[in-house]
């Protein structure tokens, strides 16, 4: 795509997006060549490394967080601040935030992280916010729950946890 096409799509090169880094990846490092291989996916030097917990290896923890009776869910700046506070509390690395305010109400947004993402879509007219918090590596997405409760002044928050990528890589290196 040309720079003009990216601009028309609303995806400018100045947003921090970079070409995929494939340097140093060997064929044995891919899941397609050997799904049981212990490879650089387990390297704790990577922000997005796979997680070892309870004898299981998985890509990351994905929380589906539903905020009910929330206040300020129509305030774009408040949502961006909540994203930043979540990133800090969870120990993640923020790359970019993009939000969109709808008319007459509602906000959608995403915080792109080195460890994955936080996203939201809100229905402020009923006090509801649908958040996804997906993090790999050493980041702790569970710390986002308290941040969201405080940010939107509610104790009515429901959370479901998914372990993404469980079973794709077998940990054959001594931990």
Protein backbone atom coordinates (compact mmCIF):
# COMPACT_ATOMS: atom_id res chain seq x y z
CA UNK A 1 0.00 0.00 0.00
CA UNK A 2 1.15 3.50 -0.66
CA UNK A 3 1.43 6.19 1.99
CA UNK A 4 -1.60 7.94 0.44
CA UNK A 5 -3.70 4.77 0.72
CA UNK A 6 -2.72 4.37 4.37
CA UNK A 7 -3.71 7.99 5.01
CA UNK A 8 -7.10 7.44 3.37
CA UNK A 9 -7.65 4.42 5.62
CA UNK A 10 -6.87 6.55 8.65
CA UNK A 11 -3.75 4.52 9.31
CA UNK A 12 -0.84 6.92 9.21
CA UNK A 13 2.73 5.72 9.40
CA UNK A 14 3.33 8.16 12.26
CA UNK A 15 1.16 6.12 14.67
CA UNK A 16 4.03 3.98 15.82
CA UNK A 17 3.21 0.96 13.68
CA UNK A 18 6.32 -0.71 12.37
CA UNK A 19 7.12 -3.49 9.97
CA UNK A 20 7.11 -6.95 11.52
CA UNK A 21 10.50 -7.92 12.88
CA UNK A 22 11.36 -11.39 11.64
CA UNK A 23 15.11 -11.17 12.20
CA UNK A 24 16.52 -13.99 14.26
CA UNK A 25 13.52 -16.29 13.88
CA UNK A 26 14.55 -19.80 12.86
CA UNK A 27 12.25 -22.35 11.25
CA UNK A 28 12.23 -24.32 14.52
CA UNK A 29 10.89 -21.22 16.29
CA UNK A 30 7.51 -21.37 14.58
CA UNK A 31 4.50 -23.29 15.77
CA UNK A 32 3.91 -24.54 12.24
CA UNK A 33 7.19 -26.44 11.99
CA UNK A 34 7.13 -28.04 15.45
CA UNK A 35 4.28 -27.18 17.83
CA UNK A 36 6.08 -28.88 20.72
CA UNK A 37 9.30 -26.95 20.26
CA UNK A 38 10.55 -24.85 23.11
CA UNK A 39 11.54 -21.69 21.32
CA UNK A 40 11.95 -17.98 21.77
CA UNK A 41 8.24 -17.72 22.62
CA UNK A 42 9.24 -18.73 26.15
CA UNK A 43 12.07 -16.19 26.43
CA UNK A 44 11.26 -13.92 29.41
CA UNK A 45 13.29 -11.14 27.75
CA UNK A 46 10.33 -10.72 25.34
CA UNK A 47 7.50 -8.46 26.55
CA UNK A 48 5.03 -10.85 24.93
CA UNK A 49 6.53 -14.17 26.01
CA UNK A 50 4.30 -17.18 26.63
CA UNK A 51 3.34 -17.73 30.27
CA UNK A 52 4.16 -20.76 32.42
CA UNK A 53 1.63 -21.22 35.24
CA UNK A 54 0.34 -24.26 37.12
CA UNK A 55 2.27 -26.60 34.81
CA UNK A 56 0.64 -25.09 31.72
CA UNK A 57 2.13 -22.93 28.96
CA UNK A 58 -0.15 -20.44 27.21
CA UNK A 59 0.09 -17.23 25.18
CA UNK A 60 -1.65 -14.92 27.60
CA UNK A 61 -4.52 -14.16 29.91
CA UNK A 62 -7.60 -12.64 28.26
CA UNK A 63 -10.13 -11.09 30.61
CA UNK A 64 -13.65 -10.30 29.46
CA UNK A 65 -14.69 -7.52 31.85
CA UNK A 66 -18.24 -6.24 32.00
CA UNK A 67 -18.77 -2.97 33.83
CA UNK A 68 -22.33 -2.36 35.00
CA UNK A 69 -23.78 0.79 36.59
CA UNK A 70 -20.67 2.63 35.39
CA UNK A 71 -20.35 6.41 35.38
CA UNK A 72 -18.38 8.41 32.80
CA UNK A 73 -18.59 5.77 30.09
CA UNK A 74 -19.37 8.49 27.55
CA UNK A 75 -16.21 10.47 28.34
CA UNK A 76 -13.46 9.73 25.85
CA UNK A 77 -10.72 11.33 27.99
CA UNK A 78 -11.82 9.33 31.05
CA UNK A 79 -11.60 6.09 29.06
CA UNK A 80 -8.14 7.00 27.76
CA UNK A 81 -7.03 7.77 31.33
CA UNK A 82 -8.45 4.43 32.49
CA UNK A 83 -6.48 2.65 29.74
CA UNK A 84 -3.27 4.39 30.87
CA UNK A 85 -3.96 3.58 34.52
CA UNK A 86 -4.62 -0.08 33.62
CA UNK A 87 -1.36 -0.27 31.69
CA UNK A 88 0.59 1.14 34.64
CA UNK A 89 -1.13 -1.06 37.25
CA UNK A 90 -0.71 -4.21 35.14
CA UNK A 91 2.97 -3.58 34.39
CA UNK A 92 2.38 -3.48 30.63
CA UNK A 93 3.93 -1.37 27.86
CA UNK A 94 1.68 1.13 26.07
CA UNK A 95 2.31 1.55 22.34
CA UNK A 96 -0.75 3.48 21.17
CA UNK A 97 -4.29 4.49 22.19
CA UNK A 98 -7.10 5.14 19.74
CA UNK A 99 -10.65 6.01 20.77
CA UNK A 100 -13.77 7.10 18.91
CA UNK A 101 -16.72 9.02 20.41
CA UNK A 102 -20.10 8.16 18.90
CA UNK A 103 -23.08 10.47 18.55
CA UNK A 104 -25.31 10.70 20.45
CA UNK A 105 -23.36 8.53 22.94
CA UNK A 106 -20.85 5.74 23.38
CA UNK A 107 -17.13 5.27 22.99
CA UNK A 108 -15.05 2.53 21.37
CA UNK A 109 -11.34 2.30 21.85
CA UNK A 110 -8.21 0.25 21.99
CA UNK A 111 -4.89 0.53 23.75
CA UNK A 112 -2.28 -1.40 21.80
CA UNK A 113 0.33 -2.90 24.11
CA UNK A 114 3.63 -4.68 23.59
CA UNK A 115 1.91 -7.45 25.54
CA UNK A 116 -1.34 -7.30 23.46
CA UNK A 117 -4.29 -4.93 24.03
CA UNK A 118 -7.10 -3.41 26.07
CA UNK A 119 -10.32 -2.59 24.23
CA UNK A 120 -13.77 -1.23 25.05
CA UNK A 121 -17.18 -0.45 23.65
CA UNK A 122 -19.61 1.45 25.88
CA UNK A 123 -23.34 1.95 26.15
CA UNK A 124 -23.43 4.86 28.63
CA UNK A 125 -27.20 5.18 28.42
CA UNK A 126 -27.43 1.93 30.43
CA UNK A 127 -24.13 2.30 32.34
CA UNK A 128 -22.49 -0.63 30.52
CA UNK A 129 -18.90 -1.00 29.30
CA UNK A 130 -17.59 -4.13 27.57
CA UNK A 131 -13.82 -4.32 28.15
CA UNK A 132 -11.28 -6.87 26.89
CA UNK A 133 -7.90 -7.00 28.60
CA UNK A 134 -5.48 -9.43 26.94
CA UNK A 135 -1.89 -9.57 28.14
CA UNK A 136 1.06 -11.89 27.64
CA UNK A 137 4.40 -12.01 29.38
CA UNK A 138 4.82 -10.71 32.92
CA UNK A 139 1.92 -8.21 32.77
CA UNK A 140 -0.94 -8.97 35.19
CA UNK A 141 -4.32 -8.17 33.57
CA UNK A 142 -6.22 -8.89 36.80
CA UNK A 143 -4.90 -5.60 38.19
CA UNK A 144 -7.05 -3.81 35.57
CA UNK A 145 -10.26 -4.89 37.33
CA UNK A 146 -9.77 -2.58 40.33
CA UNK A 147 -8.68 0.25 38.06
CA UNK A 148 -11.88 -0.02 36.02
CA UNK A 149 -14.04 -0.17 39.16
CA UNK A 150 -12.49 3.08 40.40
CA UNK A 151 -12.44 4.79 37.00
CA UNK A 152 -16.15 4.22 36.42
CA UNK A 153 -17.31 4.40 40.06
CA UNK A 154 -18.92 0.97 40.34
CA UNK A 155 -18.46 -2.27 42.22
CA UNK A 156 -20.62 -4.14 39.74
CA UNK A 157 -17.98 -5.72 37.51
CA UNK A 158 -18.05 -9.26 36.11
CA UNK A 159 -14.92 -11.02 34.84
CA UNK A 160 -14.34 -14.16 32.75
CA UNK A 161 -10.81 -15.44 32.19
CA UNK A 162 -9.54 -17.24 29.10
CA UNK A 163 -6.05 -18.68 28.71
CA UNK A 164 -5.27 -17.93 25.09
CA UNK A 165 -3.08 -20.34 23.14
CA UNK A 166 -3.16 -23.04 25.80
CA UNK A 167 -1.73 -26.28 24.47
CA UNK A 168 -0.02 -24.79 21.41
CA UNK A 169 3.47 -24.98 22.88
CA UNK A 170 4.71 -27.61 25.29
CA UNK A 171 7.24 -26.37 27.80
CA UNK A 172 10.17 -28.77 27.40
CA UNK A 173 12.76 -26.50 28.97
CA UNK A 174 13.28 -26.70 32.72
CA UNK A 175 11.66 -23.64 34.27
